[in-house]
Amino acid sequence: MKGDRVEIVVDAGDTTRTYEVVATRAGRRVETAVRRGVVEVSEVTRSGTAVRTARFMANRVLALVEQPVPRIDDGEREESPHREDPKS
């Protein structure tokens, strides 16, 4: 979903660096995967095509923070006041 965000904190020797991958458009999401010692964070379209991908060595990654956009359930939505019909 647009606004989904993943922050990656990486050990860069004497300091740390923070990278961020964000779903920039409606319908896109951010997916993470750890394979063969590599952490991969991708922005993915609805059809599953990766738009942007960031790869980091797993032994250098200090933190991986997923921050999804808060979802509003149907039951939690505020009901809007009914407007009167302008023709009456």
N, C-alpha and C. Protein backbone atom coordinates (compact mmCIF):
# COMPACT_ATOMS: atom_id res chain seq x y z
N MET A 1 0.83 -1.17 0.00
CA MET A 1 0.00 0.00 0.00
C MET A 1 0.88 1.24 0.00
N LYS A 2 0.42 2.27 -0.66
CA LYS A 2 1.18 3.50 -0.72
C LYS A 2 1.49 3.97 0.70
N GLY A 3 2.75 4.27 0.95
CA GLY A 3 3.16 4.73 2.27
C GLY A 3 3.83 3.66 3.10
N ASP A 4 3.68 2.38 2.71
CA ASP A 4 4.42 1.33 3.41
C ASP A 4 5.89 1.67 3.35
N ARG A 5 6.61 1.39 4.44
CA ARG A 5 7.99 1.84 4.50
C ARG A 5 8.82 0.81 5.26
N VAL A 6 10.05 0.59 4.80
CA VAL A 6 11.00 -0.27 5.50
C VAL A 6 12.29 0.50 5.67
N GLU A 7 12.77 0.56 6.91
CA GLU A 7 14.05 1.19 7.21
C GLU A 7 15.07 0.10 7.44
N ILE A 8 16.26 0.26 6.86
CA ILE A 8 17.34 -0.71 7.00
C ILE A 8 18.53 0.02 7.61
N VAL A 9 19.00 -0.46 8.77
CA VAL A 9 20.18 0.12 9.42
C VAL A 9 21.34 -0.83 9.17
N VAL A 10 22.42 -0.30 8.56
CA VAL A 10 23.54 -1.11 8.12
C VAL A 10 24.83 -0.64 8.80
N ASP A 11 25.65 -1.60 9.22
CA ASP A 11 26.97 -1.31 9.78
C ASP A 11 27.89 -0.94 8.63
N ALA A 12 28.43 0.29 8.69
CA ALA A 12 29.31 0.77 7.62
C ALA A 12 30.72 0.98 8.16
N GLY A 13 31.20 0.05 8.96
CA GLY A 13 32.55 0.15 9.51
C GLY A 13 32.54 0.93 10.81
N ASP A 14 32.94 2.19 10.77
CA ASP A 14 33.01 3.00 11.97
C ASP A 14 31.70 3.73 12.28
N THR A 15 30.71 3.61 11.44
CA THR A 15 29.43 4.29 11.63
C THR A 15 28.30 3.40 11.13
N THR A 16 27.08 3.87 11.28
CA THR A 16 25.94 3.15 10.73
C THR A 16 25.26 4.04 9.69
N ARG A 17 24.62 3.40 8.74
CA ARG A 17 23.86 4.12 7.72
C ARG A 17 22.44 3.60 7.71
N THR A 18 21.51 4.50 7.48
CA THR A 18 20.11 4.13 7.42
C THR A 18 19.58 4.35 6.01
N TYR A 19 18.95 3.32 5.48
CA TYR A 19 18.35 3.38 4.16
C TYR A 19 16.85 3.18 4.32
N GLU A 20 16.08 3.69 3.37
CA GLU A 20 14.64 3.60 3.45
C GLU A 20 14.08 3.24 2.08
N VAL A 21 13.17 2.27 2.06
CA VAL A 21 12.46 1.91 0.83
C VAL A 21 10.98 2.17 1.11
N VAL A 22 10.34 2.97 0.25
CA VAL A 22 8.96 3.39 0.47
C VAL A 22 8.12 3.03 -0.76
N ALA A 23 6.90 2.57 -0.51
CA ALA A 23 5.95 2.36 -1.61
C ALA A 23 5.46 3.73 -2.04
N THR A 24 5.84 4.16 -3.25
CA THR A 24 5.61 5.54 -3.68
C THR A 24 4.29 5.78 -4.37
N ARG A 25 3.64 4.75 -4.86
CA ARG A 25 2.39 4.92 -5.59
C ARG A 25 1.30 4.03 -5.02
N ALA A 26 0.07 4.37 -5.30
CA ALA A 26 -1.06 3.57 -4.84
C ALA A 26 -0.98 2.17 -5.45
N GLY A 27 -1.26 1.17 -4.64
CA GLY A 27 -1.24 -0.21 -5.11
C GLY A 27 0.10 -0.90 -4.98
N ARG A 28 1.15 -0.15 -4.68
CA ARG A 28 2.46 -0.77 -4.51
C ARG A 28 2.67 -1.13 -3.05
N ARG A 29 3.54 -2.10 -2.81
CA ARG A 29 3.86 -2.53 -1.46
C ARG A 29 5.35 -2.78 -1.37
N VAL A 30 5.83 -2.93 -0.15
CA VAL A 30 7.25 -3.20 0.08
C VAL A 30 7.37 -4.60 0.64
N GLU A 31 8.21 -5.42 0.03
CA GLU A 31 8.43 -6.80 0.47
C GLU A 31 9.89 -6.98 0.87
N THR A 32 10.11 -7.81 1.89
CA THR A 32 11.47 -8.13 2.32
C THR A 32 11.70 -9.63 2.18
N ALA A 33 12.95 -9.98 1.91
CA ALA A 33 13.33 -11.39 1.80
C ALA A 33 14.79 -11.53 2.23
N VAL A 34 15.08 -12.65 2.89
CA VAL A 34 16.46 -12.96 3.26
C VAL A 34 16.83 -14.26 2.56
N ARG A 35 17.80 -14.18 1.66
CA ARG A 35 18.22 -15.36 0.88
C ARG A 35 19.73 -15.40 0.78
N ARG A 36 20.30 -16.54 1.09
CA ARG A 36 21.73 -16.79 0.89
C ARG A 36 22.62 -15.68 1.43
N GLY A 37 22.30 -15.19 2.62
CA GLY A 37 23.12 -14.18 3.25
C GLY A 37 22.92 -12.78 2.72
N VAL A 38 21.83 -12.56 1.98
CA VAL A 38 21.54 -11.24 1.43
C VAL A 38 20.12 -10.84 1.85
N VAL A 39 19.98 -9.62 2.36
CA VAL A 39 18.66 -9.07 2.68
C VAL A 39 18.24 -8.24 1.48
N GLU A 40 17.05 -8.54 0.97
CA GLU A 40 16.55 -7.86 -0.22
C GLU A 40 15.23 -7.19 0.12
N VAL A 41 15.14 -5.88 -0.13
CA VAL A 41 13.92 -5.11 0.12
C VAL A 41 13.48 -4.53 -1.22
N SER A 42 12.24 -4.83 -1.62
CA SER A 42 11.76 -4.42 -2.94
C SER A 42 10.44 -3.70 -2.87
N GLU A 43 10.29 -2.68 -3.72
CA GLU A 43 8.99 -2.05 -3.94
C GLU A 43 8.36 -2.82 -5.10
N VAL A 44 7.15 -3.34 -4.87
CA VAL A 44 6.53 -4.26 -5.81
C VAL A 44 5.17 -3.72 -6.25
N THR A 45 4.85 -3.90 -7.54
CA THR A 45 3.54 -3.47 -8.07
C THR A 45 2.49 -4.51 -7.73
N ARG A 46 1.25 -4.22 -8.09
CA ARG A 46 0.15 -5.16 -7.84
C ARG A 46 0.37 -6.50 -8.53
N SER A 47 0.97 -6.44 -9.71
CA SER A 47 1.18 -7.68 -10.47
C SER A 47 2.40 -8.47 -10.00
N GLY A 48 3.18 -7.90 -9.08
CA GLY A 48 4.32 -8.63 -8.53
C GLY A 48 5.65 -8.25 -9.15
N THR A 49 5.68 -7.27 -10.03
CA THR A 49 6.91 -6.83 -10.67
C THR A 49 7.67 -5.89 -9.73
N ALA A 50 8.94 -6.17 -9.52
CA ALA A 50 9.77 -5.31 -8.65
C ALA A 50 10.12 -4.03 -9.39
N VAL A 51 9.86 -2.89 -8.76
CA VAL A 51 10.16 -1.59 -9.35
C VAL A 51 11.54 -1.14 -8.91
N ARG A 52 11.79 -1.22 -7.59
CA ARG A 52 13.10 -0.87 -7.03
C ARG A 52 13.49 -1.95 -6.05
N THR A 53 14.77 -2.27 -6.00
CA THR A 53 15.26 -3.29 -5.08
C THR A 53 16.53 -2.80 -4.42
N ALA A 54 16.62 -3.00 -3.10
CA ALA A 54 17.84 -2.69 -2.35
C ALA A 54 18.35 -4.00 -1.75
N ARG A 55 19.64 -4.26 -1.91
CA ARG A 55 20.24 -5.50 -1.39
C ARG A 55 21.38 -5.15 -0.44
N PHE A 56 21.43 -5.89 0.67
CA PHE A 56 22.45 -5.68 1.70
C PHE A 56 22.96 -7.03 2.17
N MET A 57 24.24 -7.08 2.53
CA MET A 57 24.81 -8.29 3.12
C MET A 57 24.16 -8.50 4.49
N ALA A 58 23.63 -9.68 4.74
CA ALA A 58 22.89 -9.95 5.97
C ALA A 58 23.74 -9.75 7.22
N ASN A 59 25.05 -10.06 7.14
CA ASN A 59 25.88 -9.91 8.33
C ASN A 59 26.19 -8.45 8.64
N ARG A 60 25.86 -7.51 7.76
CA ARG A 60 26.04 -6.08 7.99
C ARG A 60 24.76 -5.38 8.45
N VAL A 61 23.61 -6.04 8.30
CA VAL A 61 22.34 -5.42 8.66
C VAL A 61 22.16 -5.50 10.18
N LEU A 62 21.99 -4.33 10.81
CA LEU A 62 21.79 -4.26 12.25
C LEU A 62 20.31 -4.29 12.61
N ALA A 63 19.48 -3.64 11.79
CA ALA A 63 18.05 -3.60 12.06
C ALA A 63 17.27 -3.48 10.76
N LEU A 64 16.11 -4.10 10.77
CA LEU A 64 15.20 -4.04 9.64
C LEU A 64 13.83 -3.71 10.22
N VAL A 65 13.37 -2.48 10.01
CA VAL A 65 12.15 -2.00 10.65
C VAL A 65 11.08 -1.81 9.59
N GLU A 66 10.02 -2.62 9.68
CA GLU A 66 8.90 -2.50 8.75
C GLU A 66 7.86 -1.60 9.39
N GLN A 67 7.44 -0.57 8.66
CA GLN A 67 6.46 0.38 9.17
C GLN A 67 5.30 0.46 8.20
N PRO A 68 4.30 -0.41 8.36
CA PRO A 68 3.16 -0.37 7.44
C PRO A 68 2.28 0.83 7.72
N VAL A 69 1.54 1.24 6.72
CA VAL A 69 0.57 2.31 6.87
C VAL A 69 -0.58 1.77 7.70
N PRO A 70 -1.03 2.50 8.71
CA PRO A 70 -2.17 2.01 9.50
C PRO A 70 -3.39 1.83 8.62
N ARG A 71 -4.01 0.67 8.71
CA ARG A 71 -5.20 0.38 7.92
C ARG A 71 -6.43 0.74 8.74
N ILE A 72 -7.45 1.24 8.08
CA ILE A 72 -8.71 1.56 8.74
C ILE A 72 -9.71 0.48 8.39
N ASP A 73 -10.20 -0.22 9.41
CA ASP A 73 -11.22 -1.24 9.18
C ASP A 73 -12.56 -0.57 8.96
N ASP A 74 -13.49 -1.28 8.32
CA ASP A 74 -14.82 -0.73 8.07
C ASP A 74 -15.53 -0.38 9.37
N GLY A 75 -15.32 -1.16 10.41
CA GLY A 75 -15.98 -0.92 11.68
C GLY A 75 -15.43 0.30 12.42
N GLU A 76 -14.21 0.72 12.11
CA GLU A 76 -13.58 1.82 12.81
C GLU A 76 -13.82 3.17 12.14
N ARG A 77 -14.32 3.18 10.93
CA ARG A 77 -14.53 4.43 10.21
C ARG A 77 -15.64 5.23 10.86
N GLU A 78 -15.43 6.53 10.89
CA GLU A 78 -16.47 7.40 11.42
C GLU A 78 -17.53 7.55 10.35
N GLU A 79 -18.76 7.53 10.80
CA GLU A 79 -19.84 7.71 9.84
C GLU A 79 -20.00 9.18 9.56
N SER A 80 -20.11 9.51 8.28
CA SER A 80 -20.27 10.91 7.91
C SER A 80 -21.71 11.33 8.11
N PRO A 81 -21.92 12.57 8.53
CA PRO A 81 -23.31 13.03 8.72
C PRO A 81 -24.02 13.06 7.36
N HIS A 82 -25.29 12.69 7.39
CA HIS A 82 -26.07 12.67 6.14
C HIS A 82 -26.41 14.11 5.75
N ARG A 83 -26.22 14.38 4.49
CA ARG A 83 -26.56 15.71 3.99
C ARG A 83 -27.98 15.70 3.47
N GLU A 84 -28.60 16.83 3.59
CA GLU A 84 -29.96 16.94 3.08
C GLU A 84 -29.90 17.07 1.56
N ASP A 85 -30.92 16.61 0.91
CA ASP A 85 -31.03 16.71 -0.53
C ASP A 85 -31.25 18.16 -0.90
N PRO A 86 -30.40 18.74 -1.78
CA PRO A 86 -30.54 20.17 -2.11
C PRO A 86 -31.83 20.49 -2.87
N LYS A 87 -32.49 19.49 -3.47
CA LYS A 87 -33.70 19.74 -4.25
C LYS A 87 -34.91 19.93 -3.36
N SER A 88 -34.87 19.52 -2.10
CA SER A 88 -36.06 19.61 -1.25
C SER A 88 -36.19 20.92 -0.56
